[in-house]
Amino acid sequence: MNLSPIHRKMLPIVFPTILMNISLPLLGVVDTAVMGHLEEVYYVGAVGIGSMIFSVLYWAFGFLRMGMIGLAAQSYGRGDKNECAAVLWRGLASALCLGLLLIAARDVITSVAFTLIDATPEVERHALQYVQIRILAAPAALLGMAFTGWFYGVQRIALPVILQVGINGLNVVLDLIFVLKLGFDSDGVAWATVIAQYVGLAFMLLLFGWRFPEYRRLYRQPGIFDRRKLLVLLTINTDLFIRTASLLAANSYFLARSATHGNRVLAANTILIQFRNMTAYALDGIAAAAEVLVGSALGSGRKDDFRQAIRLSIIYGMTVGGGISLIYLVFHPWLLPIFTRNPEVLALAGVYVVWIIVDPLISNWCFILDGIFIGATATKTMRNAMLIAVLAIYFPVFLWLEPRYGNHGMWAATVILYAVRGVGLGWPLRRMLRSELATLK
């Protein structure tokens, strides 16, 4: 088969990214399983709550990776090594400052978190200890995000993927040693993560120095901390942070309202959310490819590459989204029992699984369009589309549907949120295509 150059570039991005994404939840499974072997059950809850706090934090700071991809891809695409290196150093400086800020604010973070989370004293005490230890890894984790975004932008996808899988593997090994061999409890799981993150960061620095000596030597160039370019980075990161925080608010509200419908509905929704997360892992690989290829095409000024990157991203997204929906439709009777054997929860999940079957057909547009706009660094459009979708549509529709249709209404509001996001980004895409194509060769 004679594939186009853009097509050949897309495949090596999509599959490694999916592999890297899949390795992340597996670490949580191991953490939970290791804690489950201890005598007291509250260790499981402590690690679960602590991990959830960091999932929220790092998801909110995901702009360090996303913003870096677009800026690095554009400078790399136009062959500007000086600016490509400057993008990296600005991103690393931002990540380091934010990581140190998180450590300084750890008491505030835990205070807010445990005000919102109702846990028993034993769970809260050990979860607090877990957070106080694991927060020490924040600089390494955020620096790793910035490095990952830059590696993607310069189309060296294998490096961060191998490193992330390696970090997770080391984390698992240290979990087993600290807890099962040395007798630690939840604090051992936290220390395992801290050590693994810093070891991973050290390897990232070594690989960068080895594979990119020409960029390494540019850290002293003038203009790295140019005020105007720093303002561009700050604006992009702020837009992405607001966008992510808005989505996080919608997802958190969905879970909070699920709890008011009883434990069985909450359990069923929690299981179905795992299916939605798996959809996200797959579609995020295509979104990452769109970010890299759109950014590179814009940087190089190649009109045909720009068109092809967008066209193939949409085709891939629709194909994968449709494939996932088909898999859920056919195999959900066998997939749902993997998560629970409770017959009542299984029955409820079977009733509401229709929304998980529909979801990939709608949400694939959001992922792909997000990737296109990130590659084009058109983050203001993403921010505005998300704010309108969440504040003007999702919450009013949710408040109208839930009292009338219960859990079906809640899931319908979530699918409507994705649909509105797709429309909110699809309409500006036409305008962006006209303006960008007019400037490209």
Protein backbone atom coordinates (compact mmCIF):
# COMPACT_ATOMS: atom_id res chain seq x y z
CA MET A 1 0.00 0.00 0.00
CA ASN A 2 1.39 3.41 -1.04
CA LEU A 3 0.78 5.68 1.95
CA SER A 4 1.23 9.45 1.86
CA PRO A 5 4.08 10.99 3.91
CA ILE A 6 1.59 12.46 6.40
CA HIS A 7 -0.10 9.08 6.73
CA ARG A 8 3.25 7.41 7.46
CA LYS A 9 4.00 10.04 10.11
CA MET A 10 0.64 9.62 11.81
CA LEU A 11 0.79 5.89 12.53
CA PRO A 12 4.01 6.02 14.63
CA ILE A 13 2.38 8.67 16.82
CA VAL A 14 -1.04 7.09 17.34
CA PHE A 15 -0.12 3.62 18.56
CA PRO A 16 2.76 4.52 20.93
CA THR A 17 0.59 7.22 22.52
CA ILE A 18 -2.20 4.72 23.14
CA LEU A 19 0.34 2.32 24.67
CA MET A 20 1.63 5.06 26.97
CA ASN A 21 -1.91 6.05 28.00
CA ILE A 22 -2.86 2.46 28.79
CA SER A 23 0.15 2.06 31.09
CA LEU A 24 -1.09 4.86 33.37
CA PRO A 25 -4.29 3.22 34.75
CA LEU A 26 -2.48 -0.10 35.10
CA LEU A 27 -0.24 1.55 37.71
CA GLY A 28 -3.33 2.46 39.74
CA VAL A 29 -4.51 -1.14 39.51
CA VAL A 30 -1.18 -2.37 40.94
CA ASP A 31 -1.21 0.25 43.71
CA THR A 32 -4.68 -0.88 44.74
CA ALA A 33 -3.80 -4.58 44.53
CA VAL A 34 -0.67 -4.12 46.68
CA MET A 35 -2.65 -2.22 49.33
CA GLY A 36 -5.30 -4.93 49.19
CA HIS A 37 -2.77 -7.42 50.54
CA LEU A 38 -2.36 -5.45 53.77
CA GLU A 39 -4.37 -6.35 56.84
CA GLU A 40 -6.26 -3.06 57.18
CA VAL A 41 -8.66 -2.13 54.38
CA TYR A 42 -8.33 1.62 54.97
CA TYR A 43 -4.96 1.59 53.17
CA VAL A 44 -6.80 0.91 49.90
CA GLY A 45 -9.06 3.90 50.45
CA ALA A 46 -6.13 6.11 51.46
CA VAL A 47 -4.17 5.36 48.27
CA GLY A 48 -7.33 5.67 46.18
CA ILE A 49 -8.14 9.13 47.54
CA GLY A 50 -4.51 10.27 47.35
CA SER A 51 -4.20 9.08 43.76
CA MET A 52 -7.44 10.84 42.85
CA ILE A 53 -6.09 14.14 44.22
CA PHE A 54 -2.98 13.85 42.04
CA SER A 55 -5.01 12.78 39.02
CA VAL A 56 -7.00 16.02 39.33
CA LEU A 57 -3.86 18.12 39.88
CA TYR A 58 -1.87 16.68 37.00
CA TRP A 59 -4.85 16.68 34.67
CA ALA A 60 -5.31 20.39 35.43
CA PHE A 61 -1.62 21.00 34.62
CA GLY A 62 -1.82 19.00 31.39
CA PHE A 63 -1.44 22.30 29.53
CA LEU A 64 2.31 21.95 30.08
CA ARG A 65 2.30 19.06 27.62
CA MET A 66 -0.41 20.27 25.24
CA GLY A 67 0.86 23.83 24.88
CA MET A 68 4.42 22.63 24.36
CA ILE A 69 3.44 20.36 21.45
CA GLY A 70 1.98 23.12 19.28
CA LEU A 71 4.79 25.62 19.87
CA ALA A 72 7.57 23.04 19.44
CA ALA A 73 5.96 21.51 16.32
CA GLN A 74 5.64 24.88 14.62
CA SER A 75 9.23 25.97 15.31
CA TYR A 76 10.51 22.51 14.36
CA GLY A 77 8.45 22.53 11.16
CA ARG A 78 10.03 25.79 9.98
CA GLY A 79 13.53 24.56 10.92
CA ASP A 80 14.11 27.22 13.59
CA LYS A 81 16.37 25.37 16.04
CA ASN A 82 16.97 28.45 18.18
CA GLU A 83 13.26 28.99 18.80
CA CYS A 84 12.64 25.25 19.18
CA ALA A 85 15.24 25.13 21.97
CA ALA A 86 13.84 28.33 23.51
CA VAL A 87 10.35 26.76 23.60
CA LEU A 88 11.77 23.87 25.61
CA TRP A 89 13.63 26.02 28.13
CA ARG A 90 10.60 28.28 28.66
CA GLY A 91 8.40 25.24 29.19
CA LEU A 92 10.84 23.62 31.61
CA ALA A 93 11.18 26.86 33.60
CA SER A 94 7.38 27.11 33.86
CA ALA A 95 7.07 23.45 34.90
CA LEU A 96 9.77 23.77 37.57
CA CYS A 97 8.18 26.89 39.06
CA LEU A 98 4.75 25.28 39.14
CA GLY A 99 6.14 22.07 40.66
CA LEU A 100 7.85 23.98 43.47
CA LEU A 101 4.66 26.00 43.97
CA LEU A 102 2.67 22.78 44.44
CA ILE A 103 5.11 21.64 47.14
CA ALA A 104 4.82 25.00 48.88
CA ALA A 105 1.02 24.84 48.69
CA ARG A 106 0.70 21.22 49.86
CA ASP A 107 -1.06 22.16 53.12
CA VAL A 108 -3.63 24.25 51.23
CA ILE A 109 -4.16 21.44 48.70
CA THR A 110 -4.76 18.81 51.37
CA SER A 111 -6.99 21.16 53.38
CA VAL A 112 -9.25 21.85 50.39
CA ALA A 113 -9.23 18.21 49.26
CA PHE A 114 -10.23 16.76 52.62
CA THR A 115 -12.88 19.41 53.07
CA LEU A 116 -14.52 18.12 49.89
CA ILE A 117 -13.87 14.40 50.54
CA ASP A 118 -15.74 12.70 53.36
CA ALA A 119 -13.48 9.90 54.66
CA THR A 120 -13.00 8.02 57.92
CA PRO A 121 -10.22 9.30 60.26
CA GLU A 122 -7.95 6.32 59.43
CA VAL A 123 -8.34 6.79 55.68
CA GLU A 124 -7.84 10.54 55.93
CA ARG A 125 -4.72 10.20 58.10
CA HIS A 126 -2.99 7.79 55.73
CA ALA A 127 -4.18 9.63 52.62
CA LEU A 128 -2.73 12.85 54.07
CA GLN A 129 0.60 11.10 54.65
CA TYR A 130 0.50 9.75 51.08
CA VAL A 131 -0.13 13.21 49.61
CA GLN A 132 2.54 14.90 51.75
CA ILE A 133 5.12 12.42 50.43
CA ARG A 134 4.03 12.15 46.81
CA ILE A 135 3.81 15.94 46.36
CA LEU A 136 7.61 15.93 46.51
CA ALA A 137 7.56 14.41 43.01
CA ALA A 138 5.57 17.33 41.57
CA PRO A 139 8.58 19.11 39.97
CA ALA A 140 9.71 15.87 38.30
CA ALA A 141 6.18 15.06 37.11
CA LEU A 142 5.56 18.52 35.62
CA LEU A 143 9.02 18.70 34.05
CA GLY A 144 8.29 15.30 32.54
CA MET A 145 5.07 16.68 31.01
CA ALA A 146 6.95 19.58 29.43
CA PHE A 147 9.66 17.27 28.08
CA THR A 148 7.02 14.89 26.71
CA GLY A 149 5.26 17.72 24.87
CA TRP A 150 8.54 18.91 23.37
CA PHE A 151 9.59 15.41 22.29
CA TYR A 152 6.22 15.06 20.56
CA GLY A 153 6.61 18.45 18.91
CA VAL A 154 9.98 17.49 17.39
CA GLN A 155 8.51 14.11 16.36
CA ARG A 156 10.57 11.89 18.65
CA ILE A 157 7.56 10.01 19.98
CA ALA A 158 9.33 6.82 21.01
CA LEU A 159 11.47 8.53 23.66
CA PRO A 160 8.70 9.73 26.02
CA VAL A 161 6.63 6.58 25.42
CA ILE A 162 9.48 4.24 26.37
CA LEU A 163 10.39 6.42 29.33
CA GLN A 164 6.82 6.64 30.63
CA VAL A 165 6.30 2.90 30.38
CA GLY A 166 9.68 2.43 32.09
CA ILE A 167 8.75 4.86 34.87
CA ASN A 168 5.50 2.98 35.48
CA GLY A 169 7.33 -0.35 35.45
CA LEU A 170 9.89 0.89 37.98
CA ASN A 171 7.04 2.25 40.10
CA VAL A 172 5.41 -1.18 40.17
CA VAL A 173 8.67 -2.91 41.16
CA LEU A 174 9.29 -0.39 43.94
CA ASP A 175 5.69 -0.83 45.14
CA LEU A 176 6.26 -4.55 45.55
CA ILE A 177 9.64 -4.10 47.27
CA PHE A 178 8.61 -1.35 49.68
CA VAL A 179 5.25 -2.82 50.69
CA LEU A 180 5.55 -6.59 50.39
CA LYS A 181 9.25 -6.94 51.24
CA LEU A 182 10.15 -4.00 53.50
CA GLY A 183 6.83 -3.69 55.33
CA PHE A 184 5.82 -0.15 54.32
CA ASP A 185 2.15 0.69 53.93
CA SER A 186 0.59 3.54 51.88
CA ASP A 187 3.70 5.67 52.46
CA GLY A 188 5.73 3.02 50.59
CA VAL A 189 3.52 3.41 47.51
CA ALA A 190 4.02 7.19 47.70
CA TRP A 191 7.81 6.91 47.99
CA ALA A 192 7.86 4.46 45.07
CA THR A 193 6.19 7.09 42.90
CA VAL A 194 8.56 9.85 44.02
CA ILE A 195 11.66 7.76 43.27
CA ALA A 196 10.32 6.53 39.92
CA GLN A 197 9.44 10.07 38.80
CA TYR A 198 12.90 11.46 39.55
CA VAL A 199 14.64 8.47 37.98
CA GLY A 200 12.49 9.01 34.88
CA LEU A 201 13.37 12.71 34.82
CA ALA A 202 17.08 11.87 35.07
CA PHE A 203 16.80 9.55 32.07
CA MET A 204 14.88 12.21 30.12
CA LEU A 205 17.72 14.68 30.73
CA LEU A 206 20.33 12.10 29.71
CA LEU A 207 18.44 11.18 26.54
CA PHE A 208 17.94 14.82 25.66
CA GLY A 209 21.64 15.53 26.08
CA TRP A 210 22.55 12.47 24.03
CA ARG A 211 20.03 12.77 21.18
CA PHE A 212 19.79 16.57 20.92
CA PRO A 213 23.26 18.04 21.55
CA GLU A 214 22.56 20.94 19.16
CA TYR A 215 19.54 22.00 21.24
CA ARG A 216 21.30 21.45 24.55
CA ARG A 217 23.95 24.02 23.67
CA LEU A 218 21.34 26.70 22.95
CA TYR A 219 20.24 27.23 26.54
CA ARG A 220 22.38 30.40 26.78
CA GLN A 221 21.04 32.07 23.64
CA PRO A 222 19.54 35.54 24.06
CA GLY A 223 15.79 35.84 23.83
CA ILE A 224 14.83 32.66 25.66
CA PHE A 225 12.96 34.70 28.23
CA ASP A 226 11.77 37.35 25.82
CA ARG A 227 8.79 39.08 27.42
CA ARG A 228 6.56 38.86 24.37
CA LYS A 229 7.18 35.14 23.84
CA LEU A 230 6.76 34.42 27.52
CA LEU A 231 3.41 36.20 27.33
CA VAL A 232 2.42 33.98 24.38
CA LEU A 233 3.30 30.87 26.42
CA LEU A 234 1.43 32.20 29.46
CA THR A 235 -1.65 32.97 27.34
CA ILE A 236 -1.66 29.50 25.75
CA ASN A 237 -1.21 27.77 29.11
CA THR A 238 -3.90 29.91 30.75
CA ASP A 239 -6.38 29.16 27.95
CA LEU A 240 -5.70 25.42 28.23
CA PHE A 241 -5.92 25.50 32.02
CA ILE A 242 -9.34 27.21 31.90
CA ARG A 243 -10.49 24.74 29.27
CA THR A 244 -9.37 21.74 31.34
CA ALA A 245 -10.73 23.14 34.61
CA SER A 246 -14.14 23.63 32.97
CA LEU A 247 -14.23 20.03 31.78
CA LEU A 248 -13.06 18.85 35.20
CA ALA A 249 -15.91 20.78 36.83
CA ALA A 250 -18.44 19.08 34.54
CA ASN A 251 -17.04 15.59 35.22
CA SER A 252 -16.85 16.20 38.97
CA TYR A 253 -20.44 17.41 39.04
CA PHE A 254 -21.56 14.28 37.20
CA LEU A 255 -19.90 12.06 39.83
CA ALA A 256 -21.24 14.15 42.71
CA ARG A 257 -24.79 13.88 41.37
CA SER A 258 -24.32 10.14 40.76
CA ALA A 259 -23.70 9.68 44.48
CA THR A 260 -27.11 11.21 45.28
CA HIS A 261 -28.83 8.44 43.30
CA GLY A 262 -27.58 5.70 45.61
CA ASN A 263 -24.58 3.41 45.84
CA ARG A 264 -25.66 1.10 43.01
CA VAL A 265 -26.10 3.93 40.50
CA LEU A 266 -22.79 5.43 41.63
CA ALA A 267 -21.07 2.06 41.16
CA ALA A 268 -22.64 1.54 37.72
CA ASN A 269 -21.64 5.03 36.58
CA THR A 270 -18.12 4.56 37.91
CA ILE A 271 -17.76 1.38 35.85
CA LEU A 272 -19.15 3.05 32.72
CA ILE A 273 -16.74 5.95 33.20
CA GLN A 274 -13.89 3.42 32.90
CA PHE A 275 -15.18 2.60 29.40
CA ARG A 276 -15.29 6.30 28.58
CA ASN A 277 -11.71 6.61 29.84
CA MET A 278 -10.60 3.77 27.57
CA THR A 279 -12.23 5.61 24.67
CA ALA A 280 -10.23 8.68 25.66
CA TYR A 281 -6.95 6.69 25.71
CA ALA A 282 -7.50 5.60 22.12
CA LEU A 283 -8.71 8.93 20.75
CA ASP A 284 -5.95 10.83 22.55
CA GLY A 285 -3.41 9.04 20.36
CA ILE A 286 -5.04 10.47 17.25
CA ALA A 287 -5.37 13.90 18.86
CA ALA A 288 -1.63 13.83 19.64
CA ALA A 289 -0.89 13.05 15.99
CA ALA A 290 -3.10 15.94 14.91
CA GLU A 291 -1.27 18.30 17.30
CA VAL A 292 2.16 17.31 15.95
CA LEU A 293 1.33 17.19 12.24
CA VAL A 294 -0.83 20.31 12.11
CA GLY A 295 1.76 22.28 14.06
CA SER A 296 4.61 21.02 11.86
CA ALA A 297 2.70 21.81 8.65
CA LEU A 298 1.93 25.34 9.80
CA GLY A 299 5.54 25.89 10.84
CA SER A 300 6.87 24.68 7.48
CA GLY A 301 4.21 26.59 5.54
CA ARG A 302 3.16 23.53 3.52
CA LYS A 303 -0.48 23.89 2.48
CA ASP A 304 -0.92 20.30 1.26
CA ASP A 305 0.52 18.86 4.50
CA PHE A 306 -1.80 21.08 6.52
CA ARG A 307 -4.86 19.90 4.58
CA GLN A 308 -3.82 16.25 4.74
CA ALA A 309 -3.07 16.39 8.47
CA ILE A 310 -6.57 17.69 9.19
CA ARG A 311 -8.28 15.33 6.76
CA LEU A 312 -6.48 12.22 8.03
CA SER A 313 -7.02 13.19 11.67
CA ILE A 314 -10.76 13.42 11.08
CA ILE A 315 -10.83 10.12 9.14
CA TYR A 316 -8.82 8.34 11.85
CA GLY A 317 -11.00 9.81 14.59
CA MET A 318 -14.26 8.78 12.92
CA THR A 319 -12.92 5.30 12.15
CA VAL A 320 -11.60 4.64 15.65
CA GLY A 321 -14.67 6.20 17.28
CA GLY A 322 -16.98 4.03 15.19
CA GLY A 323 -14.86 0.95 15.89
CA ILE A 324 -14.96 1.51 19.65
CA SER A 325 -18.74 1.98 19.55
CA LEU A 326 -19.09 -1.29 17.65
CA ILE A 327 -16.87 -3.12 20.16
CA TYR A 328 -18.93 -1.81 23.09
CA LEU A 329 -22.17 -2.68 21.32
CA VAL A 330 -21.16 -6.29 20.62
CA PHE A 331 -18.98 -7.14 23.63
CA HIS A 332 -20.43 -5.16 26.56
CA PRO A 333 -22.18 -8.27 28.01
CA TRP A 334 -18.70 -9.79 28.49
CA LEU A 335 -16.82 -6.56 29.29
CA LEU A 336 -19.05 -5.31 32.13
CA PRO A 337 -18.55 -8.38 34.39
CA ILE A 338 -14.80 -7.70 34.36
CA PHE A 339 -15.46 -4.78 36.71
CA THR A 340 -18.06 -6.28 39.05
CA ARG A 341 -19.97 -9.46 39.87
CA ASN A 342 -22.75 -7.66 41.72
CA PRO A 343 -25.92 -8.57 39.79
CA GLU A 344 -27.77 -5.34 40.64
CA VAL A 345 -24.87 -3.12 39.59
CA LEU A 346 -24.41 -5.19 36.42
CA ALA A 347 -28.09 -4.82 35.59
CA LEU A 348 -27.94 -1.05 36.03
CA ALA A 349 -24.76 -0.77 33.98
CA GLY A 350 -26.48 -2.78 31.24
CA VAL A 351 -29.37 -0.30 31.21
CA TYR A 352 -27.13 2.76 30.86
CA VAL A 353 -24.41 1.24 28.64
CA VAL A 354 -26.25 2.65 25.60
CA TRP A 355 -24.68 6.03 26.40
CA ILE A 356 -21.20 4.53 26.36
CA ILE A 357 -21.94 2.98 22.97
CA VAL A 358 -23.05 6.36 21.59
CA ASP A 359 -20.26 8.36 23.28
CA PRO A 360 -17.31 7.53 20.93
CA LEU A 361 -19.36 8.53 17.87
CA ILE A 362 -19.77 12.02 19.36
CA SER A 363 -16.64 12.54 21.45
CA ASN A 364 -14.17 11.64 18.67
CA TRP A 365 -14.86 15.04 17.13
CA CYS A 366 -13.87 16.79 20.36
CA PHE A 367 -10.55 14.98 20.62
CA ILE A 368 -9.60 15.50 16.99
CA LEU A 369 -10.62 19.15 16.89
CA ASP A 370 -8.79 19.77 20.17
CA GLY A 371 -5.68 18.27 18.57
CA ILE A 372 -6.02 20.44 15.47
CA PHE A 373 -6.46 23.65 17.46
CA ILE A 374 -3.60 22.80 19.85
CA GLY A 375 -1.32 22.19 16.86
CA ALA A 376 -2.36 25.58 15.50
CA THR A 377 -1.95 27.11 19.02
CA ALA A 378 -5.49 28.49 18.61
CA THR A 379 -6.17 27.90 22.30
CA LYS A 380 -8.46 30.91 22.77
CA THR A 381 -11.02 29.23 20.50
CA MET A 382 -10.75 26.01 22.54
CA ARG A 383 -11.19 27.91 25.79
CA ASN A 384 -14.27 29.79 24.58
CA ALA A 385 -15.89 26.68 23.09
CA MET A 386 -15.43 24.79 26.35
CA LEU A 387 -16.74 27.60 28.53
CA ILE A 388 -19.85 27.97 26.38
CA ALA A 389 -20.41 24.20 26.27
CA VAL A 390 -20.05 23.72 30.03
CA LEU A 391 -21.54 26.89 31.51
CA ALA A 392 -24.18 27.83 28.95
CA ILE A 393 -25.27 24.35 27.83
CA TYR A 394 -24.14 21.48 30.08
CA PHE A 395 -25.19 22.72 33.51
CA PRO A 396 -28.60 24.12 32.42
CA VAL A 397 -29.37 20.98 30.39
CA PHE A 398 -28.19 18.74 33.25
CA LEU A 399 -30.39 20.58 35.77
CA TRP A 400 -33.37 20.24 33.42
CA LEU A 401 -32.88 16.60 32.41
CA GLU A 402 -31.85 15.00 35.72
CA PRO A 403 -35.12 15.62 37.65
CA ARG A 404 -37.14 14.35 34.69
CA TYR A 405 -35.12 11.37 33.48
CA GLY A 406 -32.76 10.51 36.37
CA ASN A 407 -29.49 8.84 35.42
CA HIS A 408 -30.47 8.69 31.75
CA GLY A 409 -30.83 12.46 31.87
CA MET A 410 -27.37 12.83 33.41
CA TRP A 411 -25.74 10.73 30.71
CA ALA A 412 -27.70 12.53 27.99
CA ALA A 413 -26.39 15.87 29.30
CA THR A 414 -22.82 14.52 29.12
CA VAL A 415 -23.22 13.37 25.51
CA ILE A 416 -24.80 16.74 24.65
CA LEU A 417 -21.74 18.43 26.19
CA TYR A 418 -19.47 16.56 23.75
CA ALA A 419 -21.76 17.35 20.83
CA VAL A 420 -21.81 21.07 21.66
CA ARG A 421 -18.02 21.08 22.04
CA GLY A 422 -17.71 19.51 18.60
CA VAL A 423 -19.98 22.11 17.03
CA GLY A 424 -18.25 24.89 18.97
CA LEU A 425 -14.89 23.88 17.48
CA GLY A 426 -16.14 22.72 14.06
CA TRP A 427 -17.55 26.10 13.13
CA PRO A 428 -14.33 28.06 13.88
CA LEU A 429 -12.33 25.35 12.07
CA ARG A 430 -13.78 26.48 8.74
CA ARG A 431 -12.72 30.04 9.45
CA MET A 432 -9.25 28.94 10.57
CA LEU A 433 -8.82 26.85 7.41
CA ARG A 434 -9.59 29.81 5.19
CA SER A 435 -7.22 32.14 7.04
CA GLU A 436 -4.34 29.68 7.41
CA LEU A 437 -4.54 28.30 3.87
CA ALA A 438 -4.32 31.84 2.53
CA THR A 439 -0.90 32.22 4.18
CA LEU A 440 0.55 28.81 3.22
CA LYS A 441 2.34 27.78 0.04
